[in-house]
PDB file of N, CA and C in Angstrom:
ATOM      1  N   MET A   1      64.917  96.614  69.392  1.00  0.00           N
ATOM      2  CA  MET A   1      63.513  96.325  68.639  1.00  0.00           C
ATOM      3  C   MET A   1      63.470  94.957  67.586  1.00  0.00           C
ATOM      4  N   GLU A   2      64.805  94.558  67.196  1.00  0.00           N
ATOM      5  CA  GLU A   2      65.067  93.537  66.217  1.00  0.00           C
ATOM      6  C   GLU A   2      64.875  92.058  67.218  1.00  0.00           C
ATOM      7  N   SER A   3      65.476  92.097  68.563  1.00  0.00           N
ATOM      8  CA  SER A   3      65.156  91.121  69.495  1.00  0.00           C
ATOM      9  C   SER A   3      63.784  90.720  69.902  1.00  0.00           C
ATOM     10  N   PHE A   4      62.947  91.743  69.930  1.00  0.00           N
ATOM     11  CA  PHE A   4      61.549  91.720  70.460  1.00  0.00           C
ATOM     12  C   PHE A   4      60.799  91.072  69.279  1.00  0.00           C
ATOM     13  N   THR A   5      61.120  91.475  68.073  1.00  0.00           N
ATOM     14  CA  THR A   5      60.285  91.177  66.654  1.00  0.00           C
ATOM     15  C   THR A   5      60.481  89.882  66.490  1.00  0.00           C
ATOM     16  N   THR A   6      61.986  89.011  66.683  1.00  0.00           N
ATOM     17  CA  THR A   6      62.477  87.728  66.582  1.00  0.00           C
ATOM     18  C   THR A   6      61.601  87.113  67.812  1.00  0.00           C
ATOM     19  N   THR A   7      61.473  87.403  69.013  1.00  0.00           N
ATOM     20  CA  THR A   7      60.892  86.806  69.957  1.00  0.00           C
ATOM     21  C   THR A   7      59.476  86.615  69.596  1.00  0.00           C
ATOM     22  N   ILE A   8      58.669  87.691  69.223  1.00  0.00           N
ATOM     23  CA  ILE A   8      57.330  87.164  68.729  1.00  0.00           C
ATOM     24  C   ILE A   8      57.400  86.194  67.642  1.00  0.00           C
ATOM     25  N   GLU A   9      58.205  86.202  66.951  1.00  0.00           N
ATOM     26  CA  GLU A   9      58.093  85.449  65.667  1.00  0.00           C
ATOM     27  C   GLU A   9      58.390  83.874  66.070  1.00  0.00           C
ATOM     28  N   VAL A  10      59.268  83.648  66.960  1.00  0.00           N
ATOM     29  CA  VAL A  10      59.557  82.707  67.561  1.00  0.00           C
ATOM     30  C   VAL A  10      58.549  81.901  68.509  1.00  0.00           C
ATOM     31  N   PHE A  11      57.862  82.607  69.474  1.00  0.00           N
ATOM     32  CA  PHE A  11      56.372  82.564  69.887  1.00  0.00           C
ATOM     33  C   PHE A  11      55.622  82.025  68.823  1.00  0.00           C
ATOM     34  N   THR A  12      55.130  82.939  68.137  1.00  0.00           N
ATOM     35  CA  THR A  12      54.486  82.604  67.361  1.00  0.00           C
ATOM     36  C   THR A  12      54.356  81.156  66.458  1.00  0.00           C
ATOM     37  N   LYS A  13      55.598  81.010  66.340  1.00  0.00           N
ATOM     38  CA  LYS A  13      55.845  79.835  65.266  1.00  0.00           C
ATOM     39  C   LYS A  13      55.402  78.284  66.356  1.00  0.00           C
ATOM     40  N   LYS A  14      56.014  78.879  67.791  1.00  0.00           N
ATOM     41  CA  LYS A  14      56.110  77.447  68.509  1.00  0.00           C
ATOM     42  C   LYS A  14      54.464  77.451  69.077  1.00  0.00           C
ATOM     43  N   LYS A  15      53.956  78.659  68.947  1.00  0.00           N
ATOM     44  CA  LYS A  15      52.240  78.298  69.198  1.00  0.00           C
ATOM     45  C   LYS A  15      51.683  77.536  68.060  1.00  0.00           C
ATOM     46  N   LYS A  16      51.972  77.977  66.897  1.00  0.00           N
ATOM     47  CA  LYS A  16      51.398  77.211  65.433  1.00  0.00           C
ATOM     48  C   LYS A  16      51.758  75.674  65.511  1.00  0.00           C
ATOM     49  N   MET A  17      52.932  75.393  65.941  1.00  0.00           N
ATOM     50  CA  MET A  17      53.230  74.184  66.105  1.00  0.00           C
ATOM     51  C   MET A  17      52.501  73.418  67.244  1.00  0.00           C
ATOM     52  N   ILE A  18      52.287  73.983  68.191  1.00  0.00           N
ATOM     53  CA  ILE A  18      51.378  73.391  69.511  1.00  0.00           C
ATOM     54  C   ILE A  18      50.302  72.950  68.795  1.00  0.00           C
ATOM     55  N   ALA A  19      49.538  74.306  68.413  1.00  0.00           N
ATOM     56  CA  ALA A  19      48.195  73.898  67.814  1.00  0.00           C
ATOM     57  C   ALA A  19      47.955  72.680  66.812  1.00  0.00           C
ATOM     58  N   ARG A  20      49.112  72.821  65.840  1.00  0.00           N
ATOM     59  CA  ARG A  20      48.969  71.756  64.626  1.00  0.00           C
ATOM     60  C   ARG A  20      49.030  70.416  65.398  1.00  0.00           C
ATOM     61  N   PHE A  21      50.192  70.272  66.510  1.00  0.00           N
ATOM     62  CA  PHE A  21      50.360  68.848  67.122  1.00  0.00           C
ATOM     63  C   PHE A  21      48.792  68.637  67.873  1.00  0.00           C
ATOM     64  N   ILE A  22      48.352  69.624  68.356  1.00  0.00           N
ATOM     65  CA  ILE A  22      46.871  69.040  69.530  1.00  0.00           C
ATOM     66  C   ILE A  22      45.764  68.601  68.322  1.00  0.00           C
ATOM     67  N   ASN A  23      45.848  69.567  67.322  1.00  0.00           N
ATOM     68  CA  ASN A  23      44.762  68.930  66.259  1.00  0.00           C
ATOM     69  C   ASN A  23      45.305  67.813  65.689  1.00  0.00           C
ATOM     70  N   GLY A  24      46.050  67.547  65.149  1.00  0.00           N
ATOM     71  CA  GLY A  24      46.513  66.235  64.745  1.00  0.00           C
ATOM     72  C   GLY A  24      46.185  65.261  65.682  1.00  0.00           C
ATOM     73  N   PHE A  25      46.244  65.157  66.934  1.00  0.00           N
ATOM     74  CA  PHE A  25      46.337  64.407  67.983  1.00  0.00           C
ATOM     75  C   PHE A  25      44.920  64.175  68.159  1.00  0.00           C
ATOM     76  N   ILE A  26      43.914  65.143  68.055  1.00  0.00           N
ATOM     77  CA  ILE A  26      42.633  64.991  68.007  1.00  0.00           C
ATOM     78  C   ILE A  26      42.064  64.068  67.086  1.00  0.00           C
ATOM     79  N   SER A  27      42.447  64.552  65.810  1.00  0.00           N
ATOM     80  CA  SER A  27      42.226  63.855  64.454  1.00  0.00           C
ATOM     81  C   SER A  27      42.481  62.541  64.654  1.00  0.00           C
ATOM     82  N   ILE A  28      43.665  62.204  65.041  1.00  0.00           N
ATOM     83  CA  ILE A  28      44.305  60.724  64.989  1.00  0.00           C
ATOM     84  C   ILE A  28      43.329  59.992  66.141  1.00  0.00           C
ATOM     85  N   LEU A  29      43.012  60.560  66.928  1.00  0.00           N
ATOM     86  CA  LEU A  29      42.509  59.804  68.141  1.00  0.00           C
ATOM     87  C   LEU A  29      41.086  59.496  68.003  1.00  0.00           C
ATOM     88  N   ILE A  30      40.362  60.489  67.101  1.00  0.00           N
ATOM     89  CA  ILE A  30      38.678  60.285  66.534  1.00  0.00           C
ATOM     90  C   ILE A  30      38.936  59.261  65.479  1.00  0.00           C
ATOM     91  N   GLY A  31      40.103  59.127  64.794  1.00  0.00           N
ATOM     92  CA  GLY A  31      40.043  58.334  63.614  1.00  0.00           C
ATOM     93  C   GLY A  31      40.262  56.954  64.183  1.00  0.00           C
ATOM     94  N   VAL A  32      41.182  56.892  64.928  1.00  0.00           N
ATOM     95  CA  VAL A  32      41.443  55.442  65.649  1.00  0.00           C
ATOM     96  C   VAL A  32      40.192  54.759  66.383  1.00  0.00           C
ATOM     97  N   SER A  33      39.566  55.862  66.946  1.00  0.00           N
ATOM     98  CA  SER A  33      38.108  55.097  67.618  1.00  0.00           C
ATOM     99  C   SER A  33      37.300  54.774  66.747  1.00  0.00           C
ATOM    100  N   LEU A  34      37.073  55.455  65.669  1.00  0.00           N
ATOM    101  CA  LEU A  34      36.050  55.090  64.500  1.00  0.00           C
ATOM    102  C   LEU A  34      36.505  53.685  63.551  1.00  0.00           C
ATOM    103  N   ILE A  35      37.654  53.409  63.678  1.00  0.00           N
ATOM    104  CA  ILE A  35      38.143  52.144  62.593  1.00  0.00           C
ATOM    105  C   ILE A  35      37.035  50.921  63.268  1.00  0.00           C
ATOM    106  N   GLY A  36      36.855  50.913  64.253  1.00  0.00           N
ATOM    107  CA  GLY A  36      36.065  49.664  64.897  1.00  0.00           C
ATOM    108  C   GLY A  36      34.822  49.726  64.268  1.00  0.00           C
ATOM    109  N   PRO A  37      33.947  50.853  64.830  1.00  0.00           N
ATOM    110  CA  PRO A  37      32.633  50.782  64.100  1.00  0.00           C
ATOM    111  C   PRO A  37      32.842  50.943  62.604  1.00  0.00           C
ATOM    112  N   ILE A  38      33.604  51.383  61.666  1.00  0.00           N
ATOM    113  CA  ILE A  38      33.464  51.553  60.072  1.00  0.00           C
ATOM    114  C   ILE A  38      33.845  50.006  59.834  1.00  0.00           C
ATOM    115  N   SER A  39      34.567  49.235  60.337  1.00  0.00           N
ATOM    116  CA  SER A  39      34.745  47.878  59.993  1.00  0.00           C
ATOM    117  C   SER A  39      33.590  46.945  60.232  1.00  0.00           C
ATOM    118  N   ASP A  40      33.230  47.133  61.376  1.00  0.00           N
ATOM    119  CA  ASP A  40      31.906  46.564  61.910  1.00  0.00           C
ATOM    120  C   ASP A  40      30.571  46.626  60.591  1.00  0.00           C
ATOM    121  N   GLN A  41      30.290  48.273  60.447  1.00  0.00           N
ATOM    122  CA  GLN A  41      29.419  48.222  59.446  1.00  0.00           C
ATOM    123  C   GLN A  41      30.025  47.647  58.009  1.00  0.00           C
ATOM    124  N   VAL A  42      31.052  48.048  57.295  1.00  0.00           N
ATOM    125  CA  VAL A  42      31.622  47.343  56.134  1.00  0.00           C
ATOM    126  C   VAL A  42      31.394  45.914  56.149  1.00  0.00           C
ATOM    127  N   ASN A  43      31.669  45.486  57.186  1.00  0.00           N
ATOM    128  CA  ASN A  43      31.305  43.676  57.428  1.00  0.00           C
ATOM    129  C   ASN A  43      30.187  43.423  57.488  1.00  0.00           C
ATOM    130  N   THR A  44      29.137  44.179  57.891  1.00  0.00           N
ATOM    131  CA  THR A  44      27.683  43.927  57.919  1.00  0.00           C
ATOM    132  C   THR A  44      27.377  43.987  56.312  1.00  0.00           C
ATOM    133  N   ALA A  45      27.757  45.337  56.099  1.00  0.00           N
ATOM    134  CA  ALA A  45      26.753  45.773  54.630  1.00  0.00           C
ATOM    135  C   ALA A  45      27.892  44.693  53.453  1.00  0.00           C
ATOM    136  N   ALA A  46      28.679  43.770  53.858  1.00  0.00           N
ATOM    137  CA  ALA A  46      29.223  43.381  52.604  1.00  0.00           C
ATOM    138  C   ALA A  46      29.025  41.523  52.772  1.00  0.00           C
ATOM    139  N   VAL A  47      28.281  41.203  53.945  1.00  0.00           N
ATOM    140  CA  VAL A  47      28.272  39.766  54.458  1.00  0.00           C
ATOM    141  C   VAL A  47      27.828  39.146  53.110  1.00  0.00           C
ATOM    142  N   THR A  48      28.346  37.629  53.122  1.00  0.00           N
ATOM    143  CA  THR A  48      27.982  36.744  51.964  1.00  0.00           C
ATOM    144  C   THR A  48      26.782  36.677  51.392  1.00  0.00           C
ATOM    145  N   ASP A  49      25.842  36.711  52.666  1.00  0.00           N
ATOM    146  CA  ASP A  49      24.696  36.120  52.301  1.00  0.00           C
ATOM    147  C   ASP A  49      23.796  37.738  51.835  1.00  0.00           C
ATOM    148  N   GLY A  50      24.093  38.689  51.791  1.00  0.00           N
ATOM    149  CA  GLY A  50      23.679  39.902  52.090  1.00  0.00           C
ATOM    150  C   GLY A  50      22.989  40.547  50.558  1.00  0.00           C
ATOM    151  N   SER A  51      22.527  41.279  50.280  1.00  0.00           N
ATOM    152  CA  SER A  51      21.942  42.141  49.044  1.00  0.00           C
ATOM    153  C   SER A  51      23.016  42.468  48.262  1.00  0.00           C
ATOM    154  N   LEU A  52      23.984  42.933  48.759  1.00  0.00           N
ATOM    155  CA  LEU A  52      24.865  43.863  48.086  1.00  0.00           C
ATOM    156  C   LEU A  52      25.935  42.618  47.526  1.00  0.00           C
ATOM    157  N   TYR A  53      26.284  41.634  48.289  1.00  0.00           N
ATOM    158  CA  TYR A  53      27.136  40.647  47.524  1.00  0.00           C
ATOM    159  C   TYR A  53      26.253  39.682  46.368  1.00  0.00           C
ATOM    160  N   ASN A  54      25.243  39.799  46.754  1.00  0.00           N
ATOM    161  CA  ASN A  54      24.362  38.783  45.652  1.00  0.00           C
ATOM    162  C   ASN A  54      24.186  39.553  44.510  1.00  0.00           C
ATOM    163  N   ALA A  55      24.151  41.127  44.597  1.00  0.00           N
ATOM    164  CA  ALA A  55      23.914  42.176  43.260  1.00  0.00           C
ATOM    165  C   ALA A  55      25.180  42.183  42.665  1.00  0.00           C
ATOM    166  N   SER A  56      26.354  42.248  43.461  1.00  0.00           N
ATOM    167  CA  SER A  56      27.568  42.348  42.697  1.00  0.00           C
ATOM    168  C   SER A  56      28.875  42.036  43.745  1.00  0.00           C
ATOM    169  N   SER A  57      29.420  40.916  43.868  1.00  0.00           N
ATOM    170  CA  SER A  57      30.433  40.583  44.689  1.00  0.00           C
ATOM    171  C   SER A  57      31.337  41.347  44.309  1.00  0.00           C
ATOM    172  N   TRP A  58      31.706  42.086  43.299  1.00  0.00           N
ATOM    173  CA  TRP A  58      32.821  42.957  43.332  1.00  0.00           C
ATOM    174  C   TRP A  58      32.600  44.223  44.047  1.00  0.00           C
ATOM    175  N   GLY A  59      31.885  44.571  43.960  1.00  0.00           N
ATOM    176  CA  GLY A  59      31.041  45.530  45.102  1.00  0.00           C
ATOM    177  C   GLY A  59      31.517  45.433  46.421  1.00  0.00           C
ATOM    178  N   ALA A  60      31.112  44.476  46.946  1.00  0.00           N
ATOM    179  CA  ALA A  60      31.363  43.892  48.428  1.00  0.00           C
ATOM    180  C   ALA A  60      32.663  43.527  48.433  1.00  0.00           C
ATOM    181  N   THR A  61      33.808  43.195  47.685  1.00  0.00           N
ATOM    182  CA  THR A  61      35.233  43.082  47.970  1.00  0.00           C
ATOM    183  C   THR A  61      35.619  44.390  47.913  1.00  0.00           C
ATOM    184  N   VAL A  62      35.301  45.055  47.273  1.00  0.00           N
ATOM    185  CA  VAL A  62      35.542  46.857  47.127  1.00  0.00           C
ATOM    186  C   VAL A  62      35.661  47.339  48.446  1.00  0.00           C
ATOM    187  N   LEU A  63      34.471  47.253  48.858  1.00  0.00           N
ATOM    188  CA  LEU A  63      33.788  47.761  49.957  1.00  0.00           C
ATOM    189  C   LEU A  63      34.307  47.353  51.407  1.00  0.00           C
ATOM    190  N   LYS A  64      35.229  45.970  51.356  1.00  0.00           N
ATOM    191  CA  LYS A  64      35.811  45.431  52.366  1.00  0.00           C
ATOM    192  C   LYS A  64      37.312  46.131  52.367  1.00  0.00           C
ATOM    193  N   ILE A  65      37.641  47.028  51.307  1.00  0.00           N
ATOM    194  CA  ILE A  65      38.863  47.413  51.191  1.00  0.00           C
ATOM    195  C   ILE A  65      38.915  48.855  52.283  1.00  0.00           C
ATOM    196  N   VAL A  66      37.619  49.677  52.103  1.00  0.00           N
ATOM    197  CA  VAL A  66      37.480  51.027  53.039  1.00  0.00           C
ATOM    198  C   VAL A  66      38.094  51.049  54.263  1.00  0.00           C
ATOM    199  N   PRO A  67      38.213  50.090  55.262  1.00  0.00           N
ATOM    200  CA  PRO A  67      38.792  50.345  56.600  1.00  0.00           C
ATOM    201  C   PRO A  67      40.136  50.647  56.524  1.00  0.00           C
ATOM    202  N   GLY A  68      41.001  49.943  55.325  1.00  0.00           N
ATOM    203  CA  GLY A  68      42.292  49.761  55.150  1.00  0.00           C
ATOM    204  C   GLY A  68      42.903  51.385  54.853  1.00  0.00           C
ATOM    205  N   PHE A  69      41.706  51.507  53.895  1.00  0.00           N
ATOM    206  CA  PHE A  69      42.200  52.955  52.939  1.00  0.00           C
ATOM    207  C   PHE A  69      42.102  53.969  54.433  1.00  0.00           C
ATOM    208  N   PHE A  70      41.083  53.875  55.173  1.00  0.00           N
ATOM    209  CA  PHE A  70      40.598  54.825  56.585  1.00  0.00           C
ATOM    210  C   PHE A  70      41.747  54.941  57.337  1.00  0.00           C
ATOM    211  N   ALA A  71      42.130  53.756  57.493  1.00  0.00           N
ATOM    212  CA  ALA A  71      43.624  53.600  58.290  1.00  0.00           C
ATOM    213  C   ALA A  71      44.969  54.418  57.569  1.00  0.00           C
ATOM    214  N   ILE A  72      45.156  54.243  56.381  1.00  0.00           N
ATOM    215  CA  ILE A  72      45.932  54.837  55.813  1.00  0.00           C
ATOM    216  C   ILE A  72      45.990  56.304  55.749  1.00  0.00           C
ATOM    217  N   ALA A  73      44.587  57.012  55.676  1.00  0.00           N
ATOM    218  CA  ALA A  73      44.337  58.178  55.815  1.00  0.00           C
ATOM    219  C   ALA A  73      44.704  58.623  57.294  1.00  0.00           C
ATOM    220  N   ILE A  74      44.476  58.041  58.352  1.00  0.00           N
ATOM    221  CA  ILE A  74      44.863  58.370  59.918  1.00  0.00           C
ATOM    222  C   ILE A  74      46.261  58.338  59.899  1.00  0.00           C
ATOM    223  N   LEU A  75      47.309  57.540  59.170  1.00  0.00           N
ATOM    224  CA  LEU A  75      48.665  57.316  59.047  1.00  0.00           C
ATOM    225  C   LEU A  75      48.823  58.768  58.694  1.00  0.00           C
ATOM    226  N   ALA A  76      48.387  58.936  57.463  1.00  0.00           N
ATOM    227  CA  ALA A  76      48.932  60.390  56.498  1.00  0.00           C
ATOM    228  C   ALA A  76      48.600  61.517  57.406  1.00  0.00           C
ATOM    229  N   ILE A  77      47.717  61.595  58.189  1.00  0.00           N
ATOM    230  CA  ILE A  77      47.394  62.959  59.116  1.00  0.00           C
ATOM    231  C   ILE A  77      48.886  62.844  59.932  1.00  0.00           C
ATOM    232  N   GLY A  78      48.922  61.828  60.724  1.00  0.00           N
ATOM    233  CA  GLY A  78      50.169  61.825  61.512  1.00  0.00           C
ATOM    234  C   GLY A  78      51.358  62.300  61.033  1.00  0.00           C
ATOM    235  N   ILE A  79      51.838  61.756  59.407  1.00  0.00           N
ATOM    236  CA  ILE A  79      53.076  61.869  58.798  1.00  0.00           C
ATOM    237  C   ILE A  79      52.911  63.853  58.329  1.00  0.00           C
ATOM    238  N   ALA A  80      51.619  64.231  57.827  1.00  0.00           N
ATOM    239  CA  ALA A  80      51.512  65.595  57.528  1.00  0.00           C
ATOM    240  C   ALA A  80      52.041  66.262  59.000  1.00  0.00           C
ATOM    241  N   VAL A  81      51.167  65.944  60.289  1.00  0.00           N
ATOM    242  CA  VAL A  81      51.569  66.694  61.484  1.00  0.00           C
ATOM    243  C   VAL A  81      53.070  67.026  61.687  1.00  0.00           C
ATOM    244  N   LEU A  82      53.551  65.584  61.877  1.00  0.00           N
ATOM    245  CA  LEU A  82      55.065  65.580  61.966  1.00  0.00           C
ATOM    246  C   LEU A  82      55.859  66.356  60.876  1.00  0.00           C
ATOM    247  N   TYR A  83      55.629  66.260  59.916  1.00  0.00           N
ATOM    248  CA  TYR A  83      56.182  66.693  58.702  1.00  0.00           C
ATOM    249  C   TYR A  83      56.225  68.588  58.822  1.00  0.00           C
ATOM    250  N   GLY A  84      55.039  68.575  59.400  1.00  0.00           N
ATOM    251  CA  GLY A  84      54.662  70.396  59.431  1.00  0.00           C
ATOM    252  C   GLY A  84      55.386  70.908  60.824  1.00  0.00           C
ATOM    253  N   ASN A  85      55.317  70.247  61.642  1.00  0.00           N
ATOM    254  CA  ASN A  85      56.302  70.621  62.942  1.00  0.00           C
ATOM    255  C   ASN A  85      57.550  70.497  62.885  1.00  0.00           C
ATOM    256  N   LEU A  86      57.992  69.354  61.815  1.00  0.00           N
ATOM    257  CA  LEU A  86      59.595  69.765  61.930  1.00  0.00           C
ATOM    258  C   LEU A  86      60.337  70.763  60.705  1.00  0.00           C
ATOM    259  N   ARG A  87      59.460  70.895  59.822  1.00  0.00           N
ATOM    260  CA  ARG A  87      59.603  71.931  58.621  1.00  0.00           C
ATOM    261  C   ARG A  87      59.274  73.496  59.888  1.00  0.00           C
ATOM    262  N   ASP A  88      58.772  73.894  60.160  1.00  0.00           N
ATOM    263  CA  ASP A  88      58.501  74.760  61.249  1.00  0.00           C
ATOM    264  C   ASP A  88      59.542  75.042  62.109  1.00  0.00           C
ATOM    265  N   ALA A  89      59.962  73.791  62.647  1.00  0.00           N
ATOM    266  CA  ALA A  89      61.249  73.937  63.392  1.00  0.00           C
ATOM    267  C   ALA A  89      62.447  74.032  62.827  1.00  0.00           C
ATOM    268  N   GLY A  90      62.564  74.121  61.410  1.00  0.00           N
ATOM    269  CA  GLY A  90      63.750  74.229  60.700  1.00  0.00           C
ATOM    270  C   GLY A  90      64.424  72.881  60.553  1.00  0.00           C
ATOM    271  N   MET A  91      63.910  71.499  61.101  1.00  0.00           N
ATOM    272  CA  MET A  91      64.616  70.298  60.831  1.00  0.00           C
ATOM    273  C   MET A  91      64.204  69.735  59.423  1.00  0.00           C
ATOM    274  N   ALA A  92      63.470  70.005  58.959  1.00  0.00           N
ATOM    275  CA  ALA A  92      63.057  69.462  57.524  1.00  0.00           C
ATOM    276  C   ALA A  92      63.201  69.884  56.220  1.00  0.00           C
TER     277      ALA A  92
END
């Protein structure tokens, strides 16, 4: 009975690792595909002759940082998926 329980626990752990990997991959894929449109929209909103830049150049400068933070968030998703899978495998 001990072996059967251990086999089920290992199977459940591997299933969880695969599910986390697939979810992380899909999240990263969607995030990477959205970087371009987000960057385009930010550049359109923060154009130097636009109303946002004329109202507050500081706001336009901060707005231009958004794609960088978005890319950092995508990187954090990848790190979290990797760490979670390594932890479940007993390697972290």
